Amino acid sequence: MAEIIIKSEQEAAEMAARTIVDAIKANPEFVLGVATGSTPIKVYAEIAKLVKAENVDVSKVKAFALDEYVGISKDHPESYYQVIKVNVTDQIGLRPENVNTPSPDIKTVATAGADYEAKIKAAGGVDLQILGIGRDGHVGFNEPGSSLASSTRIKTLTQETLEDNARFFDSIDDVPKHCITQGIGTILRAKHLLLLAFGESKAEAIAGALEGAVTSSLPGSAVQLHPHVTAIVDPAAGSKLKNLEYYKWVYENKPSWDAI
């Protein structure tokens, strides 16, 4: 079962950043799995603050993004390459050559999934994967119905996801309908999963993912199959958890030696 921690969004960001920076100090060649969307933005800002304040060497840290739109230019401001560049690479100070996103190039799309899997394997695998969750329970761009054993591949986005992402584009018609995403199986191979969710709109998805049946209809529920999951959610996102009071009790009585 995942460790479930109830914190404000800011407290969650600070906790996540502290965990990641301490891990980098212990392992300078740490491999971080990074997510896009609005959920982890504060986490990256807090990591950057700690790295600067504590003079942490991040020159050997590698990062792998969960996903990318197919056919989008890397120069497009809403490409995940650019989102990661601004919020992770430049802000934290990682070396650009150590930061990876799936290739959006139509010419190589047939082999892009296998190529990305090979890169992750060559790096030694992801040490910690940051995850958000969609209203429909998707993680990465693994929409409902995605195989729980899937690897990095092309997916067609749902109408709901297109609508959710339309705010980043001039119109919904400009949102690419296809993406390349790490699969559920790929995500589950990371050593530690850090799931973040904030706001009432995520409450149903979080309750289903953490307490419901493990099903491809709610891809986020696959985290229940992982041996080391930490879910940090705010009170609104955790409001539909049946065992909410127990999770609070467990965290309040957490031994000092038990890291997240």
Protein backbone atom coordinates (compact mmCIF):
# COMPACT_ATOMS: atom_id res chain seq x y z
CA MET A 1 0.00 0.00 0.00
CA ALA A 2 1.21 3.53 -0.77
CA GLU A 3 2.19 5.94 1.94
CA ILE A 4 -0.46 8.66 1.74
CA ILE A 5 0.40 12.08 3.14
CA ILE A 6 -2.04 14.99 3.41
CA LYS A 7 -0.36 18.38 3.01
CA SER A 8 -1.08 21.72 1.43
CA GLU A 9 0.21 22.16 -2.12
CA GLN A 10 3.13 24.26 -0.91
CA GLU A 11 4.02 21.83 1.87
CA ALA A 12 3.81 18.96 -0.61
CA ALA A 13 6.19 20.74 -2.97
CA GLU A 14 8.67 21.40 -0.18
CA MET A 15 8.51 17.79 1.04
CA ALA A 16 8.95 16.36 -2.44
CA ALA A 17 11.84 18.70 -3.21
CA ARG A 18 13.60 17.87 0.06
CA THR A 19 13.32 14.15 -0.69
CA ILE A 20 14.69 14.56 -4.22
CA VAL A 21 17.57 16.86 -3.29
CA ASP A 22 18.64 14.60 -0.43
CA ALA A 23 18.61 11.67 -2.87
CA ILE A 24 20.79 13.62 -5.31
CA LYS A 25 23.27 14.38 -2.52
CA ALA A 26 23.47 10.67 -1.75
CA ASN A 27 23.74 9.72 -5.43
CA PRO A 28 25.13 12.43 -7.73
CA GLU A 29 24.16 10.32 -10.77
CA PHE A 30 20.52 10.23 -9.69
CA VAL A 31 17.96 9.60 -12.45
CA LEU A 32 14.78 11.65 -12.05
CA GLY A 33 11.56 11.01 -13.89
CA VAL A 34 9.81 14.32 -14.55
CA ALA A 35 6.17 15.03 -15.30
CA THR A 36 4.65 18.07 -17.00
CA GLY A 37 1.33 19.77 -16.36
CA SER A 38 0.64 22.21 -13.55
CA THR A 39 0.91 19.74 -10.64
CA PRO A 40 4.73 19.50 -10.27
CA ILE A 41 5.62 23.10 -11.14
CA LYS A 42 6.09 24.15 -7.51
CA VAL A 43 8.18 21.05 -6.84
CA TYR A 44 10.68 22.06 -9.51
CA ALA A 45 10.84 25.59 -8.11
CA GLU A 46 11.54 24.23 -4.62
CA ILE A 47 14.22 21.87 -5.94
CA ALA A 48 15.91 24.82 -7.64
CA LYS A 49 15.86 26.80 -4.39
CA LEU A 50 17.46 23.96 -2.43
CA VAL A 51 20.07 23.26 -5.10
CA LYS A 52 21.13 26.90 -5.05
CA ALA A 53 20.96 27.37 -1.28
CA GLU A 54 22.89 24.18 -0.52
CA ASN A 55 25.25 24.32 -3.52
CA VAL A 56 24.21 20.86 -4.71
CA ASP A 57 26.10 19.42 -7.68
CA VAL A 58 23.53 18.38 -10.31
CA SER A 59 25.96 18.07 -13.22
CA LYS A 60 25.55 14.29 -13.44
CA VAL A 61 21.82 14.11 -12.73
CA LYS A 62 19.78 12.70 -15.59
CA ALA A 63 16.10 13.36 -16.23
CA PHE A 64 13.50 11.58 -18.33
CA ALA A 65 10.15 13.13 -19.23
CA LEU A 66 7.03 10.99 -19.20
CA ASP A 67 5.69 12.04 -22.56
CA GLU A 68 5.62 14.34 -25.59
CA TYR A 69 3.15 15.34 -28.29
CA VAL A 70 3.68 13.65 -31.65
CA GLY A 71 4.50 15.93 -34.57
CA ILE A 72 5.07 19.06 -32.48
CA SER A 73 8.21 21.11 -33.01
CA LYS A 74 10.68 21.12 -30.11
CA ASP A 75 10.67 24.92 -30.48
CA HIS A 76 6.91 25.13 -29.87
CA PRO A 77 6.34 26.75 -26.44
CA GLU A 78 3.88 24.02 -25.48
CA SER A 79 6.09 21.11 -26.51
CA TYR A 80 7.04 19.17 -23.43
CA TYR A 81 10.65 19.57 -24.48
CA GLN A 82 10.26 23.33 -23.90
CA VAL A 83 8.17 22.93 -20.73
CA ILE A 84 10.85 20.68 -19.24
CA LYS A 85 13.61 23.01 -20.47
CA VAL A 86 12.09 26.01 -18.70
CA ASN A 87 10.91 24.34 -15.48
CA VAL A 88 13.53 21.65 -14.98
CA THR A 89 16.67 21.98 -17.12
CA ASP A 90 17.22 25.74 -16.89
CA GLN A 91 15.64 26.37 -13.49
CA ILE A 92 17.39 23.55 -11.61
CA GLY A 93 20.58 23.81 -13.64
CA LEU A 94 20.75 20.37 -15.22
CA ARG A 95 22.96 19.81 -18.23
CA PRO A 96 20.75 19.87 -21.37
CA GLU A 97 22.41 16.74 -22.73
CA ASN A 98 21.30 14.85 -19.60
CA VAL A 99 17.61 15.73 -20.02
CA ASN A 100 15.54 13.47 -22.23
CA THR A 101 12.08 13.66 -23.80
CA PRO A 102 10.57 11.19 -26.28
CA SER A 103 11.19 12.21 -29.88
CA PRO A 104 8.15 13.90 -31.49
CA ASP A 105 9.59 13.51 -35.00
CA ILE A 106 7.08 11.90 -37.36
CA LYS A 107 9.95 10.44 -39.39
CA THR A 108 11.18 8.29 -36.48
CA VAL A 109 7.90 7.76 -34.63
CA ALA A 110 7.83 4.04 -35.49
CA THR A 111 10.93 3.38 -33.37
CA ALA A 112 10.66 6.26 -30.88
CA GLY A 113 9.16 4.11 -28.12
CA ALA A 114 11.82 1.43 -28.27
CA ASP A 115 14.55 4.07 -28.57
CA TYR A 116 13.32 5.82 -25.41
CA GLU A 117 13.10 2.57 -23.47
CA ALA A 118 16.70 1.85 -24.45
CA LYS A 119 17.83 5.28 -23.20
CA ILE A 120 16.17 4.73 -19.83
CA LYS A 121 17.75 1.30 -19.51
CA ALA A 122 21.19 2.64 -20.47
CA ALA A 123 20.89 5.26 -17.70
CA GLY A 124 20.30 2.51 -15.14
CA GLY A 125 16.56 3.09 -14.82
CA VAL A 126 14.64 5.87 -13.13
CA ASP A 127 15.35 6.30 -9.41
CA LEU A 128 12.31 8.43 -8.62
CA GLN A 129 9.38 9.15 -10.92
CA ILE A 130 7.21 12.20 -10.28
CA LEU A 131 3.59 11.57 -11.29
CA GLY A 132 0.45 13.63 -11.56
CA ILE A 133 -2.95 12.13 -12.29
CA GLY A 134 -5.69 13.23 -14.66
CA ARG A 135 -9.36 13.59 -13.78
CA ASP A 136 -10.01 10.32 -15.62
CA GLY A 137 -7.16 8.59 -13.80
CA HIS A 138 -4.55 8.77 -16.53
CA VAL A 139 -0.85 8.95 -15.65
CA GLY A 140 1.55 10.19 -18.26
CA PHE A 141 -0.63 9.97 -21.35
CA ASN A 142 -1.83 6.48 -20.50
CA GLU A 143 -5.53 6.96 -21.05
CA PRO A 144 -8.22 4.62 -19.65
CA GLY A 145 -7.89 1.23 -21.30
CA SER A 146 -4.09 1.32 -21.36
CA SER A 147 -2.37 -1.98 -20.67
CA LEU A 148 -0.84 -2.16 -17.22
CA ALA A 149 2.19 -3.87 -18.82
CA SER A 150 2.62 -1.27 -21.59
CA SER A 151 5.95 0.24 -22.58
CA THR A 152 6.69 3.59 -24.25
CA ARG A 153 4.42 3.94 -27.28
CA ILE A 154 2.08 6.14 -29.31
CA LYS A 155 -1.35 6.90 -27.83
CA THR A 156 -4.42 8.78 -29.06
CA LEU A 157 -5.62 11.34 -26.54
CA THR A 158 -9.19 11.33 -25.24
CA GLN A 159 -11.52 14.25 -25.82
CA GLU A 160 -11.38 15.03 -22.09
CA THR A 161 -7.59 15.27 -22.17
CA LEU A 162 -7.72 17.46 -25.27
CA GLU A 163 -10.16 19.77 -23.46
CA ASP A 164 -7.99 19.85 -20.33
CA ASN A 165 -4.88 20.73 -22.37
CA ALA A 166 -6.60 23.24 -24.65
CA ARG A 167 -5.88 26.02 -22.13
CA PHE A 168 -2.22 25.81 -23.14
CA PHE A 169 -2.96 26.36 -26.86
CA ASP A 170 -4.81 28.98 -28.91
CA SER A 171 -7.73 26.56 -29.36
CA ILE A 172 -8.59 22.90 -28.85
CA ASP A 173 -8.01 22.37 -32.57
CA ASP A 174 -4.33 23.15 -32.03
CA VAL A 175 -3.82 20.42 -29.41
CA PRO A 176 -2.06 17.42 -31.00
CA LYS A 177 -4.29 14.36 -30.91
CA HIS A 178 -1.43 11.89 -30.54
CA CYS A 179 1.42 11.57 -28.11
CA ILE A 180 4.27 9.29 -27.21
CA THR A 181 4.24 8.27 -23.58
CA GLN A 182 6.04 6.03 -21.16
CA GLY A 183 3.81 3.02 -20.57
CA ILE A 184 2.40 1.86 -17.27
CA GLY A 185 4.94 -0.95 -17.28
CA THR A 186 7.73 1.57 -17.86
CA ILE A 187 6.53 3.74 -14.98
CA LEU A 188 6.31 0.75 -12.65
CA ARG A 189 9.98 -0.03 -13.28
CA ALA A 190 11.04 3.19 -11.54
CA LYS A 191 12.43 2.52 -8.06
CA HIS A 192 10.19 5.05 -6.29
CA LEU A 193 6.93 6.63 -7.44
CA LEU A 194 5.97 10.05 -6.07
CA LEU A 195 2.32 10.78 -6.88
CA LEU A 196 1.08 14.35 -6.41
CA ALA A 197 -2.50 15.62 -6.66
CA PHE A 198 -4.14 18.89 -5.68
CA GLY A 199 -7.70 20.17 -5.85
CA GLU A 200 -11.18 18.73 -5.61
CA SER A 201 -11.24 17.83 -9.31
CA LYS A 202 -8.67 15.08 -8.58
CA ALA A 203 -10.52 13.58 -5.59
CA GLU A 204 -12.34 10.83 -7.51
CA ALA A 205 -9.21 9.81 -9.40
CA ILE A 206 -7.08 9.69 -6.24
CA ALA A 207 -9.65 7.63 -4.33
CA GLY A 208 -9.89 5.21 -7.22
CA ALA A 209 -6.15 4.99 -7.77
CA LEU A 210 -5.22 4.43 -4.13
CA GLU A 211 -8.20 2.54 -2.74
CA GLY A 212 -10.11 1.13 -5.70
CA ALA A 213 -9.64 -1.92 -7.88
CA VAL A 214 -6.50 -2.19 -9.97
CA THR A 215 -7.85 -1.76 -13.48
CA SER A 216 -6.81 -0.48 -16.87
CA SER A 217 -9.99 1.62 -16.78
CA LEU A 218 -8.20 3.77 -14.19
CA PRO A 219 -4.51 3.61 -15.17
CA GLY A 220 -3.34 5.39 -12.02
CA SER A 221 -4.52 2.42 -9.97
CA ALA A 222 -1.44 0.55 -11.22
CA VAL A 223 0.58 2.34 -8.52
CA GLN A 224 -0.89 -0.21 -6.10
CA LEU A 225 1.34 -2.81 -7.77
CA HIS A 226 4.52 -0.91 -6.91
CA PRO A 227 6.51 -1.63 -3.72
CA HIS A 228 7.49 2.00 -3.02
CA VAL A 229 4.86 4.66 -3.63
CA THR A 230 4.42 7.97 -1.85
CA ALA A 231 1.24 9.92 -2.56
CA ILE A 232 1.17 13.51 -1.32
CA VAL A 233 -2.22 15.14 -1.78
CA ASP A 234 -3.90 18.23 -0.42
CA PRO A 235 -7.10 17.94 1.68
CA ALA A 236 -9.31 18.62 -1.35
CA ALA A 237 -7.72 15.91 -3.51
CA GLY A 238 -7.83 13.48 -0.58
CA SER A 239 -11.40 14.29 0.43
CA LYS A 240 -12.91 11.08 -1.01
CA LEU A 241 -10.41 8.67 0.49
CA LYS A 242 -12.31 6.27 2.74
CA ASN A 243 -9.37 5.74 5.09
CA LEU A 244 -8.33 9.38 5.25
CA GLU A 245 -8.18 9.56 9.05
CA TYR A 246 -6.05 6.42 9.18
CA TYR A 247 -3.56 7.88 6.70
CA LYS A 248 -3.29 11.01 8.83
CA TRP A 249 -2.75 8.88 11.95
CA VAL A 250 -0.04 6.82 10.26
CA TYR A 251 1.85 9.92 9.14
CA GLU A 252 1.53 11.62 12.54
CA ASN A 253 3.04 8.53 14.16
CA LYS A 254 5.68 7.94 11.51
CA PRO A 255 9.07 6.88 12.97
CA SER A 256 11.81 9.46 12.54
CA TRP A 257 13.99 6.91 10.73
CA ASP A 258 11.32 6.10 8.12
CA ALA A 259 11.92 8.38 5.09
CA ILE A 260 9.24 8.84 2.43
